[in-house]
Amino acid sequence: MILRTYEVDVPIHDPAHPDRRGLHVFTGAADSPAAALGQPDTWTARGLRPGWELEWTAATAGLWHNPVSWSSGGDVAL
């Protein structure tokens, strides 16, 4: 089994202020998007907002692409 790094995007909301919504991103190792969605208790996260609720039923998962990766294959202007 090959584990790759996945990103799970979980919508969040502030129950005290319904107009406040956001997205929390978790990253971790999994062998498929389905496995990434099925193991939220095994990953760690930073910056969770106290009092905000995670909407796990609306979460999506896909391969994580490092936005600052030098190995992305694209042109880089310095």
Protein backbone atom coordinates (compact mmCIF):
# COMPACT_ATOMS: atom_id res chain seq x y z
CA MET A 1 0.00 0.00 0.00
CA ILE A 2 1.39 3.36 -1.05
CA LEU A 3 0.50 6.29 1.16
CA ARG A 4 0.38 9.73 -0.40
CA THR A 5 -0.32 13.11 1.13
CA TYR A 6 -3.96 14.12 0.89
CA GLU A 7 -5.79 17.33 1.68
CA VAL A 8 -9.20 17.26 3.35
CA ASP A 9 -11.13 20.52 3.05
CA VAL A 10 -13.78 20.83 5.76
CA PRO A 11 -16.28 23.70 5.75
CA ILE A 12 -16.60 25.43 9.14
CA HIS A 13 -19.07 27.86 10.64
CA ASP A 14 -19.52 29.93 13.78
CA PRO A 15 -22.84 28.94 15.37
CA ALA A 16 -22.95 32.27 17.26
CA HIS A 17 -22.63 34.26 14.00
CA PRO A 18 -24.25 32.40 11.05
CA ASP A 19 -22.70 34.75 8.48
CA ARG A 20 -19.18 33.66 9.50
CA ARG A 21 -18.08 30.68 7.45
CA GLY A 22 -14.75 29.31 6.38
CA LEU A 23 -12.74 26.27 5.42
CA HIS A 24 -10.31 24.25 7.51
CA VAL A 25 -7.67 22.22 5.68
CA PHE A 26 -6.22 19.02 7.10
CA THR A 27 -3.30 17.17 5.49
CA GLY A 28 -2.05 13.68 6.15
CA ALA A 29 -1.10 10.33 4.69
CA ALA A 30 -3.71 8.04 3.14
CA ASP A 31 -3.98 5.55 0.30
CA SER A 32 -7.09 7.13 -1.32
CA PRO A 33 -9.44 10.10 -1.02
CA ALA A 34 -12.04 7.86 0.61
CA ALA A 35 -9.53 6.75 3.24
CA ALA A 36 -8.54 10.38 3.82
CA LEU A 37 -12.18 11.30 4.51
CA GLY A 38 -12.64 8.26 6.76
CA GLN A 39 -9.82 8.94 9.18
CA PRO A 40 -10.21 12.47 10.58
CA ASP A 41 -9.36 11.25 14.09
CA THR A 42 -5.86 10.17 13.02
CA TRP A 43 -4.66 13.52 11.70
CA THR A 44 -3.62 16.57 13.64
CA ALA A 45 -4.46 20.18 12.93
CA ARG A 46 -3.41 23.65 14.00
CA GLY A 47 -5.39 26.83 14.13
CA LEU A 48 -8.84 25.40 14.78
CA ARG A 49 -11.17 28.19 15.81
CA PRO A 50 -12.63 27.69 19.29
CA GLY A 51 -16.42 27.43 19.17
CA TRP A 52 -16.57 26.90 15.40
CA GLU A 53 -18.13 23.68 14.11
CA LEU A 54 -16.60 21.41 11.49
CA GLU A 55 -19.03 20.21 8.81
CA TRP A 56 -17.54 16.76 8.14
CA THR A 57 -20.49 15.65 5.99
CA ALA A 58 -19.55 18.36 3.46
CA ALA A 59 -15.80 17.60 3.48
CA THR A 60 -13.95 16.85 0.26
CA ALA A 61 -10.57 15.18 -0.28
CA GLY A 62 -7.93 15.09 -2.98
CA LEU A 63 -4.20 14.85 -3.45
CA TRP A 64 -2.35 17.68 -1.75
CA HIS A 65 -0.32 19.97 -3.99
CA ASN A 66 2.25 22.02 -2.14
CA PRO A 67 1.69 25.62 -3.26
CA VAL A 68 5.34 26.50 -2.61
CA SER A 69 6.89 23.37 -4.10
CA TRP A 70 9.98 23.89 -6.24
CA SER A 71 9.33 20.55 -7.92
CA SER A 72 5.98 21.53 -9.45
CA GLY A 73 7.53 21.62 -12.92
CA GLY A 74 6.35 25.14 -13.63
CA ASP A 75 8.43 28.17 -14.51
CA VAL A 76 9.57 30.23 -11.57
CA ALA A 77 10.46 33.90 -11.94
CA LEU A 78 12.86 35.26 -9.35
